C-alpha atoms as a PDB file:
ATOM      1  CA  MET A   1     133.428 157.428 103.264  1.00  0.00           C
ATOM      2  CA  THR A   2     136.344 157.706 105.178  1.00  0.00           C
ATOM      3  CA  THR A   3     138.123 155.288 106.803  1.00  0.00           C
ATOM      4  CA  THR A   4     136.905 156.860 110.292  1.00  0.00           C
ATOM      5  CA  ARG A   5     133.248 157.325 109.946  1.00  0.00           C
ATOM      6  CA  LEU A   6     133.457 153.144 108.470  1.00  0.00           C
ATOM      7  CA  ILE A   7     135.396 152.406 111.894  1.00  0.00           C
ATOM      8  CA  ILE A   8     133.085 154.357 113.862  1.00  0.00           C
ATOM      9  CA  LEU A   9     129.929 152.447 111.770  1.00  0.00           C
ATOM     10  CA  LEU A  10     131.425 148.978 112.342  1.00  0.00           C
ATOM     11  CA  LEU A  11     132.207 150.428 115.949  1.00  0.00           C
ATOM     12  CA  VAL A  12     128.496 150.956 117.305  1.00  0.00           C
ATOM     13  CA  LEU A  13     127.557 147.962 115.281  1.00  0.00           C
ATOM     14  CA  ASN A  14     129.635 145.412 117.433  1.00  0.00           C
ATOM     15  CA  LEU A  15     128.672 147.506 120.131  1.00  0.00           C
ATOM     16  CA  LEU A  16     124.232 146.779 119.276  1.00  0.00           C
ATOM     17  CA  VAL A  17     125.902 143.631 118.953  1.00  0.00           C
ATOM     18  CA  VAL A  18     127.269 142.690 121.986  1.00  0.00           C
ATOM     19  CA  SER A  19     124.728 144.437 124.144  1.00  0.00           C
ATOM     20  CA  SER A  20     121.293 142.821 122.247  1.00  0.00           C
ATOM     21  CA  GLY A  21     123.415 139.365 123.161  1.00  0.00           C
ATOM     22  CA  VAL A  22     123.855 140.248 127.203  1.00  0.00           C
ATOM     23  CA  VAL A  23     120.122 141.348 126.667  1.00  0.00           C
ATOM     24  CA  VAL A  24     119.101 138.319 125.502  1.00  0.00           C
ATOM     25  CA  ASN A  25     121.590 136.298 128.179  1.00  0.00           C
ATOM     26  CA  TYR A  26     119.948 138.220 131.126  1.00  0.00           C
ATOM     27  CA  LEU A  27     116.684 137.588 129.796  1.00  0.00           C
ATOM     28  CA  MET A  28     117.076 134.095 129.070  1.00  0.00           C
ATOM     29  CA  LEU A  29     119.493 133.455 132.315  1.00  0.00           C
ATOM     30  CA  ARG A  30     116.911 135.015 134.564  1.00  0.00           C
ATOM     31  CA  PRO A  31     114.558 132.351 135.067  1.00  0.00           C
ATOM     32  CA  LEU A  32     116.375 129.917 135.854  1.00  0.00           C
ATOM     33  CA  ALA A  33     118.558 131.968 138.856  1.00  0.00           C
ATOM     34  CA  GLN A  34     115.232 132.489 140.035  1.00  0.00           C
ATOM     35  CA  ALA A  35     114.580 129.568 139.866  1.00  0.00           C
ATOM     36  CA  ALA A  36     117.356 128.308 141.650  1.00  0.00           C
ATOM     37  CA  ALA A  37     116.987 130.010 144.486  1.00  0.00           C
ATOM     38  CA  TRP A  38     113.781 128.788 144.701  1.00  0.00           C
ATOM     39  CA  ALA A  39     115.269 125.571 144.545  1.00  0.00           C
ATOM     40  CA  GLU A  40     117.820 126.627 148.055  1.00  0.00           C
ATOM     41  CA  SER A  41     114.676 127.947 150.092  1.00  0.00           C
ATOM     42  CA  GLU A  42     112.309 126.494 152.322  1.00  0.00           C
ATOM     43  CA  ARG A  43     109.682 126.320 149.803  1.00  0.00           C
ATOM     44  CA  ALA A  44     111.260 124.039 147.920  1.00  0.00           C
ATOM     45  CA  GLU A  45     111.248 121.180 149.424  1.00  0.00           C
ATOM     46  CA  PRO A  46     107.924 120.302 149.224  1.00  0.00           C
ATOM     47  CA  PRO A  47     106.263 117.197 151.536  1.00  0.00           C
ATOM     48  CA  VAL A  48     106.956 114.245 151.881  1.00  0.00           C
ATOM     49  CA  VAL A  49     104.333 112.062 151.525  1.00  0.00           C
ATOM     50  CA  GLN A  50     105.333 107.932 152.287  1.00  0.00           C
ATOM     51  CA  ARG A  51     103.096 105.181 151.030  1.00  0.00           C
ATOM     52  CA  GLU A  52     103.379 102.438 152.065  1.00  0.00           C
ATOM     53  CA  TYR A  53     101.527 100.062 149.386  1.00  0.00           C
ATOM     54  CA  ASP A  54     100.205  95.897 150.113  1.00  0.00           C
ATOM     55  CA  VAL A  55     102.407  93.846 147.717  1.00  0.00           C
ATOM     56  CA  VAL A  56     100.483  90.351 147.685  1.00  0.00           C
ATOM     57  CA  GLN A  57     102.936  88.100 146.886  1.00  0.00           C
ATOM     58  CA  ARG A  58     101.290  85.786 144.744  1.00  0.00           C
ATOM     59  CA  GLU A  59     102.248  81.892 144.259  1.00  0.00           C
ATOM     60  CA  TYR A  60     101.653  80.314 141.203  1.00  0.00           C
ATOM     61  CA  GLU A  61     101.864  77.012 139.490  1.00  0.00           C
ATOM     62  CA  PHE A  62     101.701  75.259 135.893  1.00  0.00           C
ATOM     63  CA  TYR A  63      99.817  72.601 135.202  1.00  0.00           C
ATOM     64  CA  PRO A  64     101.640  70.586 132.080  1.00  0.00           C
ATOM     65  CA  VAL A  65      99.951  69.581 129.168  1.00  0.00           C
ATOM     66  CA  GLU A  66     101.916  66.972 127.370  1.00  0.00           C
ATOM     67  CA  LYS A  67     102.381  65.602 123.780  1.00  0.00           C
ATOM     68  CA  VAL A  68      99.679  67.589 121.855  1.00  0.00           C
ATOM     69  CA  ILE A  69     100.975  66.557 118.490  1.00  0.00           C
ATOM     70  CA  VAL A  70      99.574  68.372 115.359  1.00  0.00           C
ATOM     71  CA  SER A  71     100.010  67.461 111.246  1.00  0.00           C
ATOM     72  CA  LEU A  72     100.635  69.120 108.564  1.00  0.00           C
ATOM     73  CA  ARG A  73     100.626  68.075 105.041  1.00  0.00           C
ATOM     74  CA  GLU A  74     102.899  70.238 102.555  1.00  0.00           C
ATOM     75  CA  GLY A  75     104.553  68.905  99.466  1.00  0.00           C
ATOM     76  CA  GLY A  76     103.084  65.281  99.150  1.00  0.00           C
ATOM     77  CA  ARG A  77     104.734  64.872 103.065  1.00  0.00           C
ATOM     78  CA  GLU A  78     103.301  64.484 106.833  1.00  0.00           C
ATOM     79  CA  ARG A  79     104.972  67.067 108.998  1.00  0.00           C
ATOM     80  CA  TYR A  80     104.296  67.402 113.105  1.00  0.00           C
ATOM     81  CA  PHE A  81     104.588  69.669 115.445  1.00  0.00           C
ATOM     82  CA  VAL A  82     104.655  68.053 119.056  1.00  0.00           C
ATOM     83  CA  LEU A  83     104.262  69.914 121.375  1.00  0.00           C
ATOM     84  CA  ASP A  84     104.191  70.861 125.456  1.00  0.00           C
ATOM     85  CA  LEU A  85     102.124  73.336 127.094  1.00  0.00           C
ATOM     86  CA  ALA A  86     102.112  74.581 131.343  1.00  0.00           C
ATOM     87  CA  LEU A  87      99.057  76.037 131.864  1.00  0.00           C
ATOM     88  CA  LEU A  88      99.995  79.003 134.715  1.00  0.00           C
ATOM     89  CA  VAL A  89      96.964  78.792 137.137  1.00  0.00           C
ATOM     90  CA  GLU A  90      97.431  80.273 141.056  1.00  0.00           C
ATOM     91  CA  ALA A  91      98.334  77.934 143.568  1.00  0.00           C
ATOM     92  CA  GLY A  92      95.721  75.537 144.580  1.00  0.00           C
ATOM     93  CA  GLU A  93      93.192  76.943 142.753  1.00  0.00           C
ATOM     94  CA  ARG A  94      91.658  75.302 139.788  1.00  0.00           C
ATOM     95  CA  SER A  95      93.665  71.666 139.898  1.00  0.00           C
ATOM     96  CA  GLU A  96      89.881  70.045 139.156  1.00  0.00           C
ATOM     97  CA  GLN A  97      88.390  72.876 136.505  1.00  0.00           C
ATOM     98  CA  LEU A  98      92.840  72.192 134.572  1.00  0.00           C
ATOM     99  CA  LYS A  99      91.957  68.703 134.990  1.00  0.00           C
ATOM    100  CA  LYS A 100      88.530  68.977 133.110  1.00  0.00           C
ATOM    101  CA  ALA A 101      89.497  71.708 130.644  1.00  0.00           C
ATOM    102  CA  GLU A 102      92.503  69.477 129.542  1.00  0.00           C
ATOM    103  CA  PRO A 103      90.384  68.186 126.103  1.00  0.00           C
ATOM    104  CA  LEU A 104      89.234  71.193 125.113  1.00  0.00           C
ATOM    105  CA  VAL A 105      92.736  73.024 125.639  1.00  0.00           C
ATOM    106  CA  ARG A 106      94.120  70.287 123.462  1.00  0.00           C
ATOM    107  CA  SER A 107      91.784  70.556 120.672  1.00  0.00           C
ATOM    108  CA  SER A 108      92.130  73.522 120.565  1.00  0.00           C
ATOM    109  CA  VAL A 109      95.691  74.739 120.143  1.00  0.00           C
ATOM    110  CA  VAL A 110      95.416  71.325 117.405  1.00  0.00           C
ATOM    111  CA  SER A 111      92.366  73.054 115.459  1.00  0.00           C
ATOM    112  CA  TYR A 112      93.994  76.199 115.441  1.00  0.00           C
ATOM    113  CA  LEU A 113      97.821  75.184 114.131  1.00  0.00           C
ATOM    114  CA  SER A 114      96.309  72.991 111.651  1.00  0.00           C
ATOM    115  CA  THR A 115      95.107  76.173 109.979  1.00  0.00           C
ATOM    116  CA  TYR A 116      98.738  76.829 109.420  1.00  0.00           C
ATOM    117  CA  ARG A 117     100.789  75.385 107.363  1.00  0.00           C
ATOM    118  CA  PHE A 118     104.360  73.997 107.618  1.00  0.00           C
ATOM    119  CA  GLU A 119     106.805  76.782 107.067  1.00  0.00           C
ATOM    120  CA  GLU A 120     104.956  79.553 108.331  1.00  0.00           C
ATOM    121  CA  LEU A 121     104.764  77.329 111.656  1.00  0.00           C
ATOM    122  CA  ARG A 122     108.703  76.864 112.060  1.00  0.00           C
ATOM    123  CA  ALA A 123     108.983  80.160 111.141  1.00  0.00           C
ATOM    124  CA  LEU A 124     107.187  81.504 114.299  1.00  0.00           C
ATOM    125  CA  PRO A 125     109.421  82.236 117.196  1.00  0.00           C
ATOM    126  CA  VAL A 126     108.323  81.100 120.889  1.00  0.00           C
ATOM    127  CA  SER A 127     107.409  83.610 122.310  1.00  0.00           C
ATOM    128  CA  GLU A 128     104.677  85.138 119.053  1.00  0.00           C
ATOM    129  CA  LEU A 129     103.365  80.929 118.849  1.00  0.00           C
ATOM    130  CA  GLN A 130     103.147  81.434 122.664  1.00  0.00           C
ATOM    131  CA  HIS A 131     100.869  84.565 122.665  1.00  0.00           C
ATOM    132  CA  ARG A 132      98.831  83.446 119.476  1.00  0.00           C
ATOM    133  CA  LEU A 133      98.093  80.044 121.160  1.00  0.00           C
ATOM    134  CA  GLU A 134      97.034  81.861 124.211  1.00  0.00           C
ATOM    135  CA  GLN A 135      94.276  84.402 122.190  1.00  0.00           C
ATOM    136  CA  ALA A 136      92.900  81.716 120.534  1.00  0.00           C
ATOM    137  CA  LEU A 137      92.301  79.285 124.014  1.00  0.00           C
ATOM    138  CA  PHE A 138      90.965  82.439 125.556  1.00  0.00           C
ATOM    139  CA  ALA A 139      88.915  82.928 122.387  1.00  0.00           C
ATOM    140  CA  ASP A 140      87.434  79.424 122.740  1.00  0.00           C
ATOM    141  CA  PHE A 141      86.815  79.269 125.930  1.00  0.00           C
ATOM    142  CA  ALA A 142      84.964  83.019 125.844  1.00  0.00           C
ATOM    143  CA  GLU A 143      82.771  80.859 122.742  1.00  0.00           C
ATOM    144  CA  ARG A 144      82.208  78.277 124.868  1.00  0.00           C
ATOM    145  CA  LYS A 145      81.690  80.829 127.885  1.00  0.00           C
ATOM    146  CA  ALA A 146      83.667  79.537 130.223  1.00  0.00           C
ATOM    147  CA  GLN A 147      86.019  81.285 132.364  1.00  0.00           C
ATOM    148  CA  ALA A 148      89.461  79.875 130.996  1.00  0.00           C
ATOM    149  CA  PRO A 149      91.157  77.958 134.508  1.00  0.00           C
ATOM    150  CA  PHE A 150      94.708  79.459 133.580  1.00  0.00           C
ATOM    151  CA  LEU A 151      96.198  83.070 133.406  1.00  0.00           C
ATOM    152  CA  GLN A 152      98.713  81.984 130.616  1.00  0.00           C
ATOM    153  CA  VAL A 153      99.434  79.484 128.475  1.00  0.00           C
ATOM    154  CA  LEU A 154     104.078  78.380 127.795  1.00  0.00           C
ATOM    155  CA  VAL A 155     105.206  76.240 125.630  1.00  0.00           C
ATOM    156  CA  SER A 156     107.415  74.563 127.027  1.00  0.00           C
ATOM    157  CA  LYS A 157     108.932  72.166 124.461  1.00  0.00           C
ATOM    158  CA  LEU A 158     108.477  71.724 120.970  1.00  0.00           C
ATOM    159  CA  ILE A 159     109.261  69.680 118.240  1.00  0.00           C
ATOM    160  CA  VAL A 160     109.030  70.235 114.491  1.00  0.00           C
ATOM    161  CA  GLN A 161     109.402  67.293 111.999  1.00  0.00           C
END
């Protein structure tokens, strides 16, 4: 093959590669250009629908359940967990029910936490402990076919000895 033919072949291949690149770019960018043109037109602005939402402001109160003491035996020693709980309730509601339910709350917490070993309880983050206590309390109330008079359980104090 002569040098002239080789140069002509390379020019033809180069022309094919460049022209195919131009065609591919045109085909890929054309939908973007159409979308931009459509966005600038009047049809691009959808009608603005204004919705008003009723925002209900709820007030909450906390009902304290203080000094729930759990005794745990481990390695021949007695260990203690002292918890102060706060039960989240809607303001002005169920205060009498909470007073009646407090012994059940205390009993449920003590019986639930007594199943754990000391090191397991000590290693639990407070948020996880709150979540597990909440689930246990709701399960105990459901088992007794009673509605829990609170919305959430919070641990307000935790002492480990």
